Amino acid sequence: MTAQFAERLRYQGNDLAMWEDPLRDYFAMGGRHPGFARDCTAMWRGYVGSWEIVDDRLYLIGLHGTLKDGTEASLASIFPDSPDRVFAHWYSGTIRIPQGRQLG
């Protein structure tokens, strides 16, 4: 099994890998899903989100990937009214951030 690209999280001035996929919850709740191309075995979901925590709130601040029609994905692909950042009100899970060297 190929390891997947992690979501990115900016927290307290640090850029970290995040082993959660909050957008999956948004899509599962019926949120707008534009259809992502899966052109890499290390990115089955078709995108990598960039997130930040501000005042104990999680925000989506960027999106990298390609849509099935070949265009570059962006926040506006999913949230056309909020192209700069989106409060992840749909997400209430735990955010896991791997630390240290990889074992095994």
PDB file of N, CA and C in Angstrom:
ATOM      1  N   MET A   1       0.841  -1.176   0.000  1.00  0.00           N
ATOM      2  CA  MET A   1       0.000   0.000   0.000  1.00  0.00           C
ATOM      3  C   MET A   1       0.889   1.243   0.000  1.00  0.00           C
ATOM      4  N   THR A   2       0.592   2.181  -0.851  1.00  0.00           N
ATOM      5  CA  THR A   2       1.350   3.422  -0.955  1.00  0.00           C
ATOM      6  C   THR A   2       0.907   4.399   0.117  1.00  0.00           C
ATOM      7  N   ALA A   3       1.863   4.995   0.822  1.00  0.00           N
ATOM      8  CA  ALA A   3       1.529   6.031   1.804  1.00  0.00           C
ATOM      9  C   ALA A   3       0.916   7.214   1.070  1.00  0.00           C
ATOM     10  N   GLN A   4      -0.073   7.822   1.677  1.00  0.00           N
ATOM     11  CA  GLN A   4      -0.782   8.937   1.064  1.00  0.00           C
ATOM     12  C   GLN A   4      -0.181  10.276   1.494  1.00  0.00           C
ATOM     13  N   PHE A   5      -0.254  11.272   0.599  1.00  0.00           N
ATOM     14  CA  PHE A   5       0.160  12.620   0.963  1.00  0.00           C
ATOM     15  C   PHE A   5      -0.739  13.105   2.091  1.00  0.00           C
ATOM     16  N   ALA A   6      -0.135  13.689   3.088  1.00  0.00           N
ATOM     17  CA  ALA A   6      -0.893  14.183   4.242  1.00  0.00           C
ATOM     18  C   ALA A   6      -1.497  15.549   3.952  1.00  0.00           C
ATOM     19  N   GLU A   7      -2.598  15.831   4.614  1.00  0.00           N
ATOM     20  CA  GLU A   7      -3.123  17.185   4.633  1.00  0.00           C
ATOM     21  C   GLU A   7      -2.109  18.042   5.381  1.00  0.00           C
ATOM     22  N   ARG A   8      -2.098  19.336   5.138  1.00  0.00           N
ATOM     23  CA  ARG A   8      -1.150  20.247   5.768  1.00  0.00           C
ATOM     24  C   ARG A   8      -1.879  21.096   6.799  1.00  0.00           C
ATOM     25  N   LEU A   9      -1.243  21.329   7.942  1.00  0.00           N
ATOM     26  CA  LEU A   9      -1.842  22.119   9.016  1.00  0.00           C
ATOM     27  C   LEU A   9      -0.856  23.165   9.504  1.00  0.00           C
ATOM     28  N   ARG A  10      -1.292  24.414   9.523  1.00  0.00           N
ATOM     29  CA  ARG A  10      -0.511  25.494  10.122  1.00  0.00           C
ATOM     30  C   ARG A  10      -1.054  25.716  11.527  1.00  0.00           C
ATOM     31  N   TYR A  11      -0.189  25.520  12.517  1.00  0.00           N
ATOM     32  CA  TYR A  11      -0.610  25.638  13.912  1.00  0.00           C
ATOM     33  C   TYR A  11       0.509  26.272  14.725  1.00  0.00           C
ATOM     34  N   GLN A  12       0.205  27.349  15.389  1.00  0.00           N
ATOM     35  CA  GLN A  12       1.158  28.070  16.220  1.00  0.00           C
ATOM     36  C   GLN A  12       2.456  28.379  15.474  1.00  0.00           C
ATOM     37  N   GLY A  13       2.310  28.803  14.228  1.00  0.00           N
ATOM     38  CA  GLY A  13       3.464  29.187  13.423  1.00  0.00           C
ATOM     39  C   GLY A  13       4.224  28.043  12.790  1.00  0.00           C
ATOM     40  N   ASN A  14       3.783  26.816  12.990  1.00  0.00           N
ATOM     41  CA  ASN A  14       4.449  25.640  12.419  1.00  0.00           C
ATOM     42  C   ASN A  14       3.595  25.029  11.322  1.00  0.00           C
ATOM     43  N   ASP A  15       4.251  24.553  10.261  1.00  0.00           N
ATOM     44  CA  ASP A  15       3.565  23.811   9.206  1.00  0.00           C
ATOM     45  C   ASP A  15       3.782  22.331   9.464  1.00  0.00           C
ATOM     46  N   LEU A  16       2.687  21.593   9.647  1.00  0.00           N
ATOM     47  CA  LEU A  16       2.735  20.201  10.082  1.00  0.00           C
ATOM     48  C   LEU A  16       1.937  19.305   9.139  1.00  0.00           C
ATOM     49  N   ALA A  17       2.271  18.027   9.142  1.00  0.00           N
ATOM     50  CA  ALA A  17       1.451  17.027   8.445  1.00  0.00           C
ATOM     51  C   ALA A  17       0.269  16.686   9.344  1.00  0.00           C
ATOM     52  N   MET A  18      -0.865  16.437   8.741  1.00  0.00           N
ATOM     53  CA  MET A  18      -2.079  16.122   9.502  1.00  0.00           C
ATOM     54  C   MET A  18      -2.679  14.843   8.924  1.00  0.00           C
ATOM     55  N   TRP A  19      -2.908  13.842   9.748  1.00  0.00           N
ATOM     56  CA  TRP A  19      -3.431  12.570   9.271  1.00  0.00           C
ATOM     57  C   TRP A  19      -4.939  12.496   9.389  1.00  0.00           C
ATOM     58  N   GLU A  20      -5.592  13.568   9.095  1.00  0.00           N
ATOM     59  CA  GLU A  20      -7.059  13.603   9.049  1.00  0.00           C
ATOM     60  C   GLU A  20      -7.457  14.164   7.694  1.00  0.00           C
ATOM     61  N   ASP A  21      -8.697  13.946   7.318  1.00  0.00           N
ATOM     62  CA  ASP A  21      -9.222  14.463   6.065  1.00  0.00           C
ATOM     63  C   ASP A  21     -10.589  15.101   6.350  1.00  0.00           C
ATOM     64  N   PRO A  22     -10.605  16.301   6.921  1.00  0.00           N
ATOM     65  CA  PRO A  22     -11.879  16.935   7.273  1.00  0.00           C
ATOM     66  C   PRO A  22     -12.833  17.139   6.102  1.00  0.00           C
ATOM     67  N   LEU A  23     -12.299  17.307   4.886  1.00  0.00           N
ATOM     68  CA  LEU A  23     -13.194  17.472   3.735  1.00  0.00           C
ATOM     69  C   LEU A  23     -14.025  16.220   3.465  1.00  0.00           C
ATOM     70  N   ARG A  24     -13.503  15.058   3.825  1.00  0.00           N
ATOM     71  CA  ARG A  24     -14.265  13.820   3.638  1.00  0.00           C
ATOM     72  C   ARG A  24     -15.596  13.907   4.382  1.00  0.00           C
ATOM     73  N   ASP A  25     -15.564  14.469   5.607  1.00  0.00           N
ATOM     74  CA  ASP A  25     -16.802  14.643   6.373  1.00  0.00           C
ATOM     75  C   ASP A  25     -17.743  15.612   5.670  1.00  0.00           C
ATOM     76  N   TYR A  26     -17.196  16.677   5.110  1.00  0.00           N
ATOM     77  CA  TYR A  26     -18.016  17.650   4.379  1.00  0.00           C
ATOM     78  C   TYR A  26     -18.699  16.982   3.187  1.00  0.00           C
ATOM     79  N   PHE A  27     -17.946  16.223   2.412  1.00  0.00           N
ATOM     80  CA  PHE A  27     -18.513  15.537   1.252  1.00  0.00           C
ATOM     81  C   PHE A  27     -19.541  14.496   1.681  1.00  0.00           C
ATOM     82  N   ALA A  28     -19.273  13.781   2.781  1.00  0.00           N
ATOM     83  CA  ALA A  28     -20.212  12.760   3.277  1.00  0.00           C
ATOM     84  C   ALA A  28     -21.539  13.375   3.714  1.00  0.00           C
ATOM     85  N   MET A  29     -21.506  14.633   4.138  1.00  0.00           N
ATOM     86  CA  MET A  29     -22.733  15.319   4.554  1.00  0.00           C
ATOM     87  C   MET A  29     -23.484  15.916   3.365  1.00  0.00           C
ATOM     88  N   GLY A  30     -22.994  15.678   2.160  1.00  0.00           N
ATOM     89  CA  GLY A  30     -23.677  16.171   0.964  1.00  0.00           C
ATOM     90  C   GLY A  30     -23.120  17.473   0.437  1.00  0.00           C
ATOM     91  N   GLY A  31     -21.947  17.876   0.928  1.00  0.00           N
ATOM     92  CA  GLY A  31     -21.314  19.104   0.443  1.00  0.00           C
ATOM     93  C   GLY A  31     -20.889  18.983  -1.009  1.00  0.00           C
ATOM     94  N   ARG A  32     -20.774  20.094  -1.672  1.00  0.00           N
ATOM     95  CA  ARG A  32     -20.413  20.151  -3.090  1.00  0.00           C
ATOM     96  C   ARG A  32     -19.086  19.436  -3.343  1.00  0.00           C
ATOM     97  N   HIS A  33     -19.114  18.405  -4.166  1.00  0.00           N
ATOM     98  CA  HIS A  33     -17.923  17.620  -4.519  1.00  0.00           C
ATOM     99  C   HIS A  33     -17.686  17.783  -6.022  1.00  0.00           C
ATOM    100  N   PRO A  34     -16.627  18.511  -6.411  1.00  0.00           N
ATOM    101  CA  PRO A  34     -16.431  18.806  -7.828  1.00  0.00           C
ATOM    102  C   PRO A  34     -15.871  17.645  -8.645  1.00  0.00           C
ATOM    103  N   GLY A  35     -15.400  16.584  -8.008  1.00  0.00           N
ATOM    104  CA  GLY A  35     -14.810  15.454  -8.731  1.00  0.00           C
ATOM    105  C   GLY A  35     -13.341  15.691  -9.008  1.00  0.00           C
ATOM    106  N   PHE A  36     -12.501  14.991  -8.300  1.00  0.00           N
ATOM    107  CA  PHE A  36     -11.061  15.161  -8.421  1.00  0.00           C
ATOM    108  C   PHE A  36     -10.454  14.041  -9.257  1.00  0.00           C
ATOM    109  N   ALA A  37      -9.437  14.388 -10.044  1.00  0.00           N
ATOM    110  CA  ALA A  37      -8.678  13.389 -10.798  1.00  0.00           C
ATOM    111  C   ALA A  37      -7.749  12.678  -9.829  1.00  0.00           C
ATOM    112  N   ARG A  38      -7.589  11.404 -10.006  1.00  0.00           N
ATOM    113  CA  ARG A  38      -6.688  10.607  -9.171  1.00  0.00           C
ATOM    114  C   ARG A  38      -5.521  10.178 -10.044  1.00  0.00           C
ATOM    115  N   ASP A  39      -4.530  11.072 -10.133  1.00  0.00           N
ATOM    116  CA  ASP A  39      -3.422  10.834 -11.056  1.00  0.00           C
ATOM    117  C   ASP A  39      -2.138  10.396 -10.366  1.00  0.00           C
ATOM    118  N   CYS A  40      -2.254  10.002  -9.099  1.00  0.00           N
ATOM    119  CA  CYS A  40      -1.072   9.608  -8.337  1.00  0.00           C
ATOM    120  C   CYS A  40      -1.489   8.567  -7.297  1.00  0.00           C
ATOM    121  N   THR A  41      -0.745   7.473  -7.172  1.00  0.00           N
ATOM    122  CA  THR A  41      -1.111   6.439  -6.206  1.00  0.00           C
ATOM    123  C   THR A  41      -0.940   6.908  -4.766  1.00  0.00           C
ATOM    124  N   ALA A  42      -0.233   8.016  -4.561  1.00  0.00           N
ATOM    125  CA  ALA A  42      -0.041   8.553  -3.216  1.00  0.00           C
ATOM    126  C   ALA A  42      -1.089   9.618  -2.866  1.00  0.00           C
ATOM    127  N   MET A  43      -2.108   9.755  -3.733  1.00  0.00           N
ATOM    128  CA  MET A  43      -3.143  10.752  -3.475  1.00  0.00           C
ATOM    129  C   MET A  43      -4.496  10.249  -4.009  1.00  0.00           C
ATOM    130  N   TRP A  44      -4.987   9.159  -3.430  1.00  0.00           N
ATOM    131  CA  TRP A  44      -6.233   8.560  -3.897  1.00  0.00           C
ATOM    132  C   TRP A  44      -7.427   9.493  -3.770  1.00  0.00           C
ATOM    133  N   ARG A  45      -7.402  10.396  -2.779  1.00  0.00           N
ATOM    134  CA  ARG A  45      -8.540  11.304  -2.624  1.00  0.00           C
ATOM    135  C   ARG A  45      -8.530  12.385  -3.693  1.00  0.00           C
ATOM    136  N   GLY A  46      -7.376  12.605  -4.354  1.00  0.00           N
ATOM    137  CA  GLY A  46      -7.305  13.542  -5.469  1.00  0.00           C
ATOM    138  C   GLY A  46      -6.942  14.966  -5.091  1.00  0.00           C
ATOM    139  N   TYR A  47      -6.713  15.237  -3.828  1.00  0.00           N
ATOM    140  CA  TYR A  47      -6.391  16.593  -3.385  1.00  0.00           C
ATOM    141  C   TYR A  47      -5.614  16.550  -2.081  1.00  0.00           C
ATOM    142  N   VAL A  48      -4.968  17.655  -1.776  1.00  0.00           N
ATOM    143  CA  VAL A  48      -4.356  17.881  -0.470  1.00  0.00           C
ATOM    144  C   VAL A  48      -4.867  19.228   0.011  1.00  0.00           C
ATOM    145  N   GLY A  49      -5.475  19.220   1.180  1.00  0.00           N
ATOM    146  CA  GLY A  49      -5.965  20.456   1.764  1.00  0.00           C
ATOM    147  C   GLY A  49      -4.930  21.084   2.679  1.00  0.00           C
ATOM    148  N   SER A  50      -4.951  22.399   2.743  1.00  0.00           N
ATOM    149  CA  SER A  50      -4.121  23.147   3.691  1.00  0.00           C
ATOM    150  C   SER A  50      -5.067  23.781   4.703  1.00  0.00           C
ATOM    151  N   TRP A  51      -4.725  23.619   5.964  1.00  0.00           N
ATOM    152  CA  TRP A  51      -5.599  24.020   7.060  1.00  0.00           C
ATOM    153  C   TRP A  51      -4.844  24.888   8.047  1.00  0.00           C
ATOM    154  N   GLU A  52      -5.581  25.622   8.866  1.00  0.00           N
ATOM    155  CA  GLU A  52      -4.967  26.336   9.974  1.00  0.00           C
ATOM    156  C   GLU A  52      -5.948  26.367  11.136  1.00  0.00           C
ATOM    157  N   ILE A  53      -5.383  26.464  12.325  1.00  0.00           N
ATOM    158  CA  ILE A  53      -6.196  26.618  13.529  1.00  0.00           C
ATOM    159  C   ILE A  53      -5.972  28.031  14.045  1.00  0.00           C
ATOM    160  N   VAL A  54      -7.067  28.772  14.171  1.00  0.00           N
ATOM    161  CA  VAL A  54      -7.033  30.134  14.691  1.00  0.00           C
ATOM    162  C   VAL A  54      -8.131  30.245  15.740  1.00  0.00           C
ATOM    163  N   ASP A  55      -7.761  30.672  16.947  1.00  0.00           N
ATOM    164  CA  ASP A  55      -8.737  30.815  18.038  1.00  0.00           C
ATOM    165  C   ASP A  55      -9.545  29.532  18.242  1.00  0.00           C
ATOM    166  N   ASP A  56      -8.845  28.396  18.232  1.00  0.00           N
ATOM    167  CA  ASP A  56      -9.455  27.077  18.447  1.00  0.00           C
ATOM    168  C   ASP A  56     -10.474  26.696  17.374  1.00  0.00           C
ATOM    169  N   ARG A  57     -10.365  27.280  16.205  1.00  0.00           N
ATOM    170  CA  ARG A  57     -11.242  26.937  15.081  1.00  0.00           C
ATOM    171  C   ARG A  57     -10.393  26.464  13.912  1.00  0.00           C
ATOM    172  N   LEU A  58     -10.889  25.445  13.215  1.00  0.00           N
ATOM    173  CA  LEU A  58     -10.199  24.881  12.065  1.00  0.00           C
ATOM    174  C   LEU A  58     -10.713  25.536  10.779  1.00  0.00           C
ATOM    175  N   TYR A  59      -9.771  26.016   9.961  1.00  0.00           N
ATOM    176  CA  TYR A  59     -10.114  26.650   8.691  1.00  0.00           C
ATOM    177  C   TYR A  59      -9.393  25.954   7.552  1.00  0.00           C
ATOM    178  N   LEU A  60     -10.089  25.777   6.443  1.00  0.00           N
ATOM    179  CA  LEU A  60      -9.478  25.328   5.199  1.00  0.00           C
ATOM    180  C   LEU A  60      -8.971  26.575   4.495  1.00  0.00           C
ATOM    181  N   ILE A  61      -7.655  26.615   4.205  1.00  0.00           N
ATOM    182  CA  ILE A  61      -7.073  27.819   3.620  1.00  0.00           C
ATOM    183  C   ILE A  61      -6.493  27.588   2.225  1.00  0.00           C
ATOM    184  N   GLY A  62      -6.486  26.354   1.779  1.00  0.00           N
ATOM    185  CA  GLY A  62      -5.962  26.066   0.448  1.00  0.00           C
ATOM    186  C   GLY A  62      -6.303  24.662   0.011  1.00  0.00           C
ATOM    187  N   LEU A  63      -6.231  24.433  -1.283  1.00  0.00           N
ATOM    188  CA  LEU A  63      -6.545  23.128  -1.841  1.00  0.00           C
ATOM    189  C   LEU A  63      -5.674  22.913  -3.063  1.00  0.00           C
ATOM    190  N   HIS A  64      -4.979  21.784  -3.097  1.00  0.00           N
ATOM    191  CA  HIS A  64      -4.126  21.448  -4.233  1.00  0.00           C
ATOM    192  C   HIS A  64      -4.617  20.142  -4.838  1.00  0.00           C
ATOM    193  N   GLY A  65      -4.794  20.138  -6.122  1.00  0.00           N
ATOM    194  CA  GLY A  65      -5.224  18.946  -6.836  1.00  0.00           C
ATOM    195  C   GLY A  65      -5.702  19.330  -8.226  1.00  0.00           C
ATOM    196  N   THR A  66      -6.165  18.339  -8.951  1.00  0.00           N
ATOM    197  CA  THR A  66      -6.678  18.561 -10.298  1.00  0.00           C
ATOM    198  C   THR A  66      -8.084  17.998 -10.381  1.00  0.00           C
ATOM    199  N   LEU A  67      -8.969  18.742 -11.003  1.00  0.00           N
ATOM    200  CA  LEU A  67     -10.339  18.270 -11.199  1.00  0.00           C
ATOM    201  C   LEU A  67     -10.380  17.320 -12.390  1.00  0.00           C
ATOM    202  N   LYS A  68     -11.423  16.521 -12.482  1.00  0.00           N
ATOM    203  CA  LYS A  68     -11.542  15.541 -13.562  1.00  0.00           C
ATOM    204  C   LYS A  68     -11.531  16.185 -14.941  1.00  0.00           C
ATOM    205  N   ASP A  69     -11.937  17.462 -15.021  1.00  0.00           N
ATOM    206  CA  ASP A  69     -11.915  18.144 -16.324  1.00  0.00           C
ATOM    207  C   ASP A  69     -10.534  18.707 -16.667  1.00  0.00           C
ATOM    208  N   GLY A  70      -9.545  18.472 -15.779  1.00  0.00           N
ATOM    209  CA  GLY A  70      -8.175  18.892 -16.036  1.00  0.00           C
ATOM    210  C   GLY A  70      -7.806  20.246 -15.464  1.00  0.00           C
ATOM    211  N   THR A  71      -8.753  20.976 -14.897  1.00  0.00           N
ATOM    212  CA  THR A  71      -8.440  22.276 -14.308  1.00  0.00           C
ATOM    213  C   THR A  71      -7.890  22.108 -12.896  1.00  0.00           C
ATOM    214  N   GLU A  72      -7.140  23.105 -12.470  1.00  0.00           N
ATOM    215  CA  GLU A  72      -6.541  23.104 -11.131  1.00  0.00           C
ATOM    216  C   GLU A  72      -7.638  23.343 -10.090  1.00  0.00           C
ATOM    217  N   ALA A  73      -7.638  22.533  -9.044  1.00  0.00           N
ATOM    218  CA  ALA A  73      -8.608  22.701  -7.955  1.00  0.00           C
ATOM    219  C   ALA A  73      -8.200  23.880  -7.079  1.00  0.00           C
ATOM    220  N   SER A  74      -9.189  24.510  -6.470  1.00  0.00           N
ATOM    221  CA  SER A  74      -8.954  25.606  -5.535  1.00  0.00           C
ATOM    222  C   SER A  74     -10.095  25.610  -4.524  1.00  0.00           C
ATOM    223  N   LEU A  75      -9.994  26.451  -3.524  1.00  0.00           N
ATOM    224  CA  LEU A  75     -11.107  26.567  -2.567  1.00  0.00           C
ATOM    225  C   LEU A  75     -12.401  26.920  -3.281  1.00  0.00           C
ATOM    226  N   ALA A  76     -12.315  27.768  -4.286  1.00  0.00           N
ATOM    227  CA  ALA A  76     -13.505  28.180  -5.029  1.00  0.00           C
ATOM    228  C   ALA A  76     -14.169  27.012  -5.761  1.00  0.00           C
ATOM    229  N   SER A  77     -13.432  25.929  -6.006  1.00  0.00           N
ATOM    230  CA  SER A  77     -14.024  24.747  -6.648  1.00  0.00           C
ATOM    231  C   SER A  77     -15.110  24.134  -5.774  1.00  0.00           C
ATOM    232  N   ILE A  78     -14.959  24.272  -4.467  1.00  0.00           N
ATOM    233  CA  ILE A  78     -15.905  23.693  -3.514  1.00  0.00           C
ATOM    234  C   ILE A  78     -16.734  24.767  -2.826  1.00  0.00           C
ATOM    235  N   PHE A  79     -16.089  25.884  -2.530  1.00  0.00           N
ATOM    236  CA  PHE A  79     -16.728  26.980  -1.802  1.00  0.00           C
ATOM    237  C   PHE A  79     -16.617  28.265  -2.626  1.00  0.00           C
ATOM    238  N   PRO A  80     -17.435  28.422  -3.666  1.00  0.00           N
ATOM    239  CA  PRO A  80     -17.296  29.583  -4.551  1.00  0.00           C
ATOM    240  C   PRO A  80     -17.503  30.926  -3.849  1.00  0.00           C
ATOM    241  N   ASP A  81     -18.226  30.953  -2.746  1.00  0.00           N
ATOM    242  CA  ASP A  81     -18.454  32.211  -2.028  1.00  0.00           C
ATOM    243  C   ASP A  81     -17.375  32.517  -1.003  1.00  0.00           C
ATOM    244  N   SER A  82     -16.428  31.607  -0.807  1.00  0.00           N
ATOM    245  CA  SER A  82     -15.368  31.787   0.190  1.00  0.00           C
ATOM    246  C   SER A  82     -14.030  31.330  -0.391  1.00  0.00           C
ATOM    247  N   PRO A  83     -13.484  32.067  -1.344  1.00  0.00           N
ATOM    248  CA  PRO A  83     -12.271  31.605  -2.021  1.00  0.00           C
ATOM    249  C   PRO A  83     -10.983  31.705  -1.211  1.00  0.00           C
ATOM    250  N   ASP A  84     -10.991  32.403  -0.053  1.00  0.00           N
ATOM    251  CA  ASP A  84      -9.757  32.602   0.699  1.00  0.00           C
ATOM    252  C   ASP A  84      -9.593  31.666   1.890  1.00  0.00           C
ATOM    253  N   ARG A  85     -10.662  31.433   2.639  1.00  0.00           N
ATOM    254  CA  ARG A  85     -10.620  30.490   3.750  1.00  0.00           C
ATOM    255  C   ARG A  85     -12.040  30.154   4.168  1.00  0.00           C
ATOM    256  N   VAL A  86     -12.200  28.949   4.713  1.00  0.00           N
ATOM    257  CA  VAL A  86     -13.521  28.457   5.084  1.00  0.00           C
ATOM    258  C   VAL A  86     -13.446  27.847   6.475  1.00  0.00           C
ATOM    259  N   PHE A  87     -14.313  28.285   7.366  1.00  0.00           N
ATOM    260  CA  PHE A  87     -14.416  27.695   8.696  1.00  0.00           C
ATOM    261  C   PHE A  87     -14.991  26.292   8.541  1.00  0.00           C
ATOM    262  N   ALA A  88     -14.322  25.298   9.084  1.00  0.00           N
ATOM    263  CA  ALA A  88     -14.739  23.896   8.955  1.00  0.00           C
ATOM    264  C   ALA A  88     -15.774  23.555  10.022  1.00  0.00           C
ATOM    265  N   HIS A  89     -16.923  24.185   9.947  1.00  0.00           N
ATOM    266  CA  HIS A  89     -17.996  23.988  10.929  1.00  0.00           C
ATOM    267  C   HIS A  89     -18.528  22.561  10.932  1.00  0.00           C
ATOM    268  N   TRP A  90     -18.325  21.825   9.877  1.00  0.00           N
ATOM    269  CA  TRP A  90     -18.823  20.459   9.751  1.00  0.00           C
ATOM    270  C   TRP A  90     -17.933  19.438  10.471  1.00  0.00           C
ATOM    271  N   TYR A  91     -16.741  19.831  10.871  1.00  0.00           N
ATOM    272  CA  TYR A  91     -15.778  18.874  11.420  1.00  0.00           C
ATOM    273  C   TYR A  91     -15.673  18.998  12.940  1.00  0.00           C
ATOM    274  N   SER A  92     -15.809  17.860  13.619  1.00  0.00           N
ATOM    275  CA  SER A  92     -15.695  17.867  15.082  1.00  0.00           C
ATOM    276  C   SER A  92     -14.801  16.725  15.583  1.00  0.00           C
ATOM    277  N   GLY A  93     -13.997  16.165  14.692  1.00  0.00           N
ATOM    278  CA  GLY A  93     -13.142  15.043  15.065  1.00  0.00           C
ATOM    279  C   GLY A  93     -11.848  15.480  15.716  1.00  0.00           C
ATOM    280  N   THR A  94     -11.034  14.488  16.037  1.00  0.00           N
ATOM    281  CA  THR A  94      -9.714  14.708  16.595  1.00  0.00           C
ATOM    282  C   THR A  94      -8.722  14.881  15.454  1.00  0.00           C
ATOM    283  N   ILE A  95      -7.791  15.795  15.614  1.00  0.00           N
ATOM    284  CA  ILE A  95      -6.762  16.006  14.602  1.00  0.00           C
ATOM    285  C   ILE A  95      -5.477  15.338  15.088  1.00  0.00           C
ATOM    286  N   ARG A  96      -5.014  14.352  14.331  1.00  0.00           N
ATOM    287  CA  ARG A  96      -3.778  13.649  14.673  1.00  0.00           C
ATOM    288  C   ARG A  96      -2.625  14.247  13.868  1.00  0.00           C
ATOM    289  N   ILE A  97      -1.527  14.545  14.570  1.00  0.00           N
ATOM    290  CA  ILE A  97      -0.346  15.109  13.935  1.00  0.00           C
ATOM    291  C   ILE A  97       0.825  14.172  14.271  1.00  0.00           C
ATOM    292  N   PRO A  98       1.324  13.437  13.274  1.00  0.00           N
ATOM    293  CA  PRO A  98       2.427  12.506  13.561  1.00  0.00           C
ATOM    294  C   PRO A  98       3.696  13.270  13.914  1.00  0.00           C
ATOM    295  N   GLN A  99       4.403  12.775  14.920  1.00  0.00           N
ATOM    296  CA  GLN A  99       5.643  13.399  15.367  1.00  0.00           C
ATOM    297  C   GLN A  99       6.728  12.322  15.487  1.00  0.00           C
ATOM    298  N   GLY A 100       7.965  12.711  15.304  1.00  0.00           N
ATOM    299  CA  GLY A 100       9.071  11.771  15.427  1.00  0.00           C
ATOM    300  C   GLY A 100       9.343  11.027  14.129  1.00  0.00           C
ATOM    301  N   ARG A 101      10.291  10.139  14.186  1.00  0.00           N
ATOM    302  CA  ARG A 101      10.653   9.389  12.978  1.00  0.00           C
ATOM    303  C   ARG A 101       9.642   8.255  12.734  1.00  0.00           C
ATOM    304  N   GLN A 102       9.498   7.895  11.479  1.00  0.00           N
ATOM    305  CA  GLN A 102       8.573   6.837  11.097  1.00  0.00           C
ATOM    306  C   GLN A 102       9.149   5.487  11.506  1.00  0.00           C
ATOM    307  N   LEU A 103       8.326   4.661  12.103  1.00  0.00           N
ATOM    308  CA  LEU A 103       8.734   3.325  12.523  1.00  0.00           C
ATOM    309  C   LEU A 103       8.181   2.293  11.558  1.00  0.00           C
ATOM    310  N   GLY A 104       8.947   1.255  11.334  1.00  0.00           N
ATOM    311  CA  GLY A 104       8.511   0.129  10.524  1.00  0.00           C
ATOM    312  C   GLY A 104       8.352   0.456   9.136  1.00  0.00           C
TER     313      GLY A 104
END
